[in-house]
């Protein structure tokens, strides 16, 4: 079985984590924390994959890669 890869990034202005890239067709979502995004994906992925190909998925392995850039205090 394929392991799906979801790359998430932080949107500082909107203050949410969002799906920036994935190998799941049509996946687009956001959440206020990386943990909330992870929980949301656990529900969404099987549903979205079923809509995409008509098969029911009991188990969908995936990897969430979260990326966030920041600066330490006193940067010039």
N, C-alpha and C. Protein backbone atom coordinates (compact mmCIF):
# COMPACT_ATOMS: atom_id res chain seq x y z
N UNK A 1 0.85 -1.18 0.00
CA UNK A 1 0.00 0.00 0.00
C UNK A 1 0.89 1.24 0.00
N UNK A 2 0.50 2.24 -0.73
CA UNK A 2 1.25 3.49 -0.82
C UNK A 2 1.10 4.32 0.46
N UNK A 3 2.18 4.96 0.86
CA UNK A 3 2.12 5.94 1.95
C UNK A 3 2.02 7.31 1.32
N UNK A 4 0.99 8.04 1.62
CA UNK A 4 0.80 9.37 1.06
C UNK A 4 1.65 10.38 1.83
N UNK A 5 2.15 11.36 1.11
CA UNK A 5 2.98 12.40 1.70
C UNK A 5 2.26 13.74 1.59
N UNK A 6 2.12 14.38 2.74
CA UNK A 6 1.45 15.69 2.79
C UNK A 6 2.42 16.69 3.39
N UNK A 7 2.70 17.74 2.65
CA UNK A 7 3.58 18.80 3.14
C UNK A 7 2.73 19.99 3.56
N UNK A 8 2.92 20.41 4.80
CA UNK A 8 2.15 21.53 5.34
C UNK A 8 3.09 22.70 5.64
N UNK A 9 2.56 23.89 5.47
CA UNK A 9 3.32 25.09 5.79
C UNK A 9 2.46 26.01 6.64
N UNK A 10 3.13 26.89 7.36
CA UNK A 10 2.48 27.84 8.25
C UNK A 10 2.21 29.13 7.50
N UNK A 11 1.00 29.62 7.56
CA UNK A 11 0.63 30.92 6.98
C UNK A 11 0.55 31.90 8.14
N UNK A 12 1.57 32.73 8.27
CA UNK A 12 1.65 33.67 9.40
C UNK A 12 0.49 34.64 9.41
N UNK A 13 0.11 35.14 8.25
CA UNK A 13 -0.97 36.13 8.18
C UNK A 13 -2.32 35.53 8.59
N UNK A 14 -2.62 34.35 8.07
CA UNK A 14 -3.90 33.69 8.40
C UNK A 14 -3.83 32.92 9.72
N UNK A 15 -2.61 32.67 10.21
CA UNK A 15 -2.38 31.94 11.46
C UNK A 15 -2.94 30.52 11.40
N UNK A 16 -2.65 29.83 10.27
CA UNK A 16 -3.09 28.45 10.09
C UNK A 16 -2.00 27.62 9.41
N UNK A 17 -2.05 26.33 9.65
CA UNK A 17 -1.27 25.37 8.88
C UNK A 17 -2.13 24.96 7.70
N UNK A 18 -1.53 24.89 6.52
CA UNK A 18 -2.28 24.49 5.33
C UNK A 18 -1.50 23.46 4.52
N UNK A 19 -2.22 22.67 3.73
CA UNK A 19 -1.59 21.68 2.85
C UNK A 19 -0.98 22.43 1.68
N UNK A 20 0.35 22.43 1.60
CA UNK A 20 1.06 23.13 0.53
C UNK A 20 1.29 22.20 -0.66
N UNK A 21 1.41 20.89 -0.41
CA UNK A 21 1.68 19.93 -1.48
C UNK A 21 1.34 18.54 -0.97
N UNK A 22 0.86 17.69 -1.86
CA UNK A 22 0.61 16.29 -1.49
C UNK A 22 0.46 15.46 -2.75
N UNK A 23 0.52 14.14 -2.58
CA UNK A 23 0.25 13.24 -3.70
C UNK A 23 -1.17 12.66 -3.59
N UNK A 24 -2.04 13.41 -2.93
CA UNK A 24 -3.47 13.07 -2.84
C UNK A 24 -4.23 14.05 -3.72
N UNK A 25 -4.78 13.59 -4.84
CA UNK A 25 -5.49 14.50 -5.74
C UNK A 25 -6.64 15.24 -5.05
N UNK A 26 -6.63 16.56 -5.19
CA UNK A 26 -7.72 17.38 -4.67
C UNK A 26 -7.63 17.75 -3.20
N UNK A 27 -6.54 17.35 -2.52
CA UNK A 27 -6.45 17.64 -1.08
C UNK A 27 -6.13 19.11 -0.84
N UNK A 28 -6.99 19.76 -0.09
CA UNK A 28 -6.80 21.16 0.29
C UNK A 28 -7.52 21.38 1.61
N UNK A 29 -6.77 21.75 2.64
CA UNK A 29 -7.37 22.02 3.94
C UNK A 29 -6.40 22.81 4.80
N UNK A 30 -6.90 23.28 5.92
CA UNK A 30 -6.08 24.06 6.86
C UNK A 30 -6.60 23.83 8.27
N UNK A 31 -5.76 24.18 9.25
CA UNK A 31 -6.13 24.06 10.65
C UNK A 31 -5.25 24.99 11.48
N UNK A 32 -5.70 25.36 12.67
CA UNK A 32 -4.94 26.31 13.48
C UNK A 32 -3.65 25.75 14.09
N UNK A 33 -3.54 24.43 14.22
CA UNK A 33 -2.32 23.82 14.74
C UNK A 33 -1.95 22.63 13.86
N UNK A 34 -0.69 22.22 13.92
CA UNK A 34 -0.25 21.04 13.17
C UNK A 34 -0.97 19.79 13.67
N UNK A 35 -1.19 19.71 14.98
CA UNK A 35 -1.92 18.56 15.55
C UNK A 35 -3.36 18.52 15.05
N UNK A 36 -4.00 19.67 14.98
CA UNK A 36 -5.38 19.72 14.48
C UNK A 36 -5.42 19.33 13.01
N UNK A 37 -4.41 19.74 12.25
CA UNK A 37 -4.34 19.36 10.83
C UNK A 37 -4.18 17.85 10.70
N UNK A 38 -3.33 17.28 11.53
CA UNK A 38 -3.12 15.83 11.52
C UNK A 38 -4.43 15.09 11.78
N UNK A 39 -5.17 15.51 12.78
CA UNK A 39 -6.45 14.87 13.11
C UNK A 39 -7.47 15.04 11.98
N UNK A 40 -7.48 16.20 11.38
CA UNK A 40 -8.40 16.47 10.26
C UNK A 40 -8.06 15.56 9.06
N UNK A 41 -6.78 15.37 8.80
CA UNK A 41 -6.35 14.52 7.68
C UNK A 41 -6.73 13.06 7.90
N UNK A 42 -6.71 12.60 9.14
CA UNK A 42 -7.10 11.22 9.43
C UNK A 42 -8.52 10.92 8.97
N UNK A 43 -9.38 11.91 9.02
CA UNK A 43 -10.77 11.75 8.59
C UNK A 43 -10.91 12.01 7.09
N UNK A 44 -10.26 13.07 6.62
CA UNK A 44 -10.42 13.50 5.23
C UNK A 44 -9.83 12.55 4.20
N UNK A 45 -8.65 12.00 4.48
CA UNK A 45 -7.96 11.20 3.46
C UNK A 45 -8.76 10.01 2.97
N UNK A 46 -9.28 9.15 3.84
CA UNK A 46 -10.07 8.03 3.32
C UNK A 46 -11.29 8.49 2.53
N UNK A 47 -11.94 9.55 3.00
CA UNK A 47 -13.12 10.06 2.29
C UNK A 47 -12.76 10.60 0.91
N UNK A 48 -11.69 11.38 0.85
CA UNK A 48 -11.28 11.97 -0.43
C UNK A 48 -10.81 10.90 -1.42
N UNK A 49 -10.05 9.94 -0.94
CA UNK A 49 -9.57 8.87 -1.82
C UNK A 49 -10.74 8.05 -2.36
N UNK A 50 -11.74 7.80 -1.52
CA UNK A 50 -12.92 7.08 -1.99
C UNK A 50 -13.65 7.87 -3.07
N UNK A 51 -13.77 9.18 -2.87
CA UNK A 51 -14.40 10.03 -3.90
C UNK A 51 -13.60 10.01 -5.20
N UNK A 52 -12.27 9.95 -5.09
CA UNK A 52 -11.40 9.97 -6.28
C UNK A 52 -11.51 8.70 -7.10
N UNK A 53 -11.54 7.54 -6.43
CA UNK A 53 -11.49 6.30 -7.22
C UNK A 53 -12.60 5.29 -6.93
N UNK A 54 -13.51 5.61 -6.02
CA UNK A 54 -14.64 4.73 -5.78
C UNK A 54 -14.37 3.55 -4.86
N UNK A 55 -13.14 3.39 -4.39
CA UNK A 55 -12.82 2.29 -3.48
C UNK A 55 -12.91 2.76 -2.04
N UNK A 56 -13.34 1.86 -1.16
CA UNK A 56 -13.41 2.19 0.27
C UNK A 56 -12.05 1.90 0.91
N UNK A 57 -11.57 2.83 1.72
CA UNK A 57 -10.27 2.69 2.36
C UNK A 57 -10.43 2.58 3.87
N UNK A 58 -10.00 1.44 4.44
CA UNK A 58 -10.06 1.25 5.88
C UNK A 58 -8.81 1.82 6.55
N UNK A 59 -7.71 1.79 5.82
CA UNK A 59 -6.43 2.25 6.36
C UNK A 59 -5.71 3.07 5.29
N UNK A 60 -5.31 4.27 5.66
CA UNK A 60 -4.59 5.14 4.72
C UNK A 60 -3.32 5.64 5.43
N UNK A 61 -2.18 5.00 5.17
CA UNK A 61 -0.95 5.48 5.78
C UNK A 61 -0.51 6.79 5.13
N UNK A 62 -0.11 7.75 5.98
CA UNK A 62 0.37 9.01 5.44
C UNK A 62 1.42 9.62 6.35
N UNK A 63 2.20 10.49 5.75
CA UNK A 63 3.26 11.19 6.45
C UNK A 63 2.97 12.68 6.33
N UNK A 64 2.92 13.37 7.45
CA UNK A 64 2.71 14.81 7.46
C UNK A 64 4.05 15.48 7.75
N UNK A 65 4.50 16.29 6.82
CA UNK A 65 5.75 17.03 6.98
C UNK A 65 5.39 18.50 7.14
N UNK A 66 5.64 19.04 8.33
CA UNK A 66 5.28 20.43 8.62
C UNK A 66 6.53 21.30 8.59
N UNK A 67 6.44 22.40 7.86
CA UNK A 67 7.58 23.32 7.73
C UNK A 67 7.15 24.71 8.16
N UNK A 68 7.96 25.30 9.04
CA UNK A 68 7.67 26.66 9.51
C UNK A 68 9.00 27.39 9.70
N UNK A 69 9.11 28.55 9.11
CA UNK A 69 10.30 29.38 9.26
C UNK A 69 10.07 30.40 10.36
N UNK A 70 11.14 30.77 11.05
CA UNK A 70 11.03 31.77 12.11
C UNK A 70 12.38 32.45 12.27
N UNK A 71 12.38 33.52 13.04
CA UNK A 71 13.61 34.22 13.37
C UNK A 71 13.72 34.32 14.88
N UNK A 72 14.93 34.19 15.38
CA UNK A 72 15.16 34.36 16.81
C UNK A 72 15.10 35.85 17.14
N UNK A 73 14.88 36.18 18.38
CA UNK A 73 14.86 37.57 18.81
C UNK A 73 16.17 38.27 18.50
N UNK A 74 16.11 39.54 18.29
CA UNK A 74 17.28 40.39 18.07
C UNK A 74 17.97 40.17 16.73
N UNK A 75 17.25 39.67 15.73
CA UNK A 75 17.83 39.52 14.39
C UNK A 75 17.91 40.89 13.74
N UNK A 76 18.96 41.11 13.01
CA UNK A 76 19.15 42.40 12.32
C UNK A 76 19.09 42.19 10.83
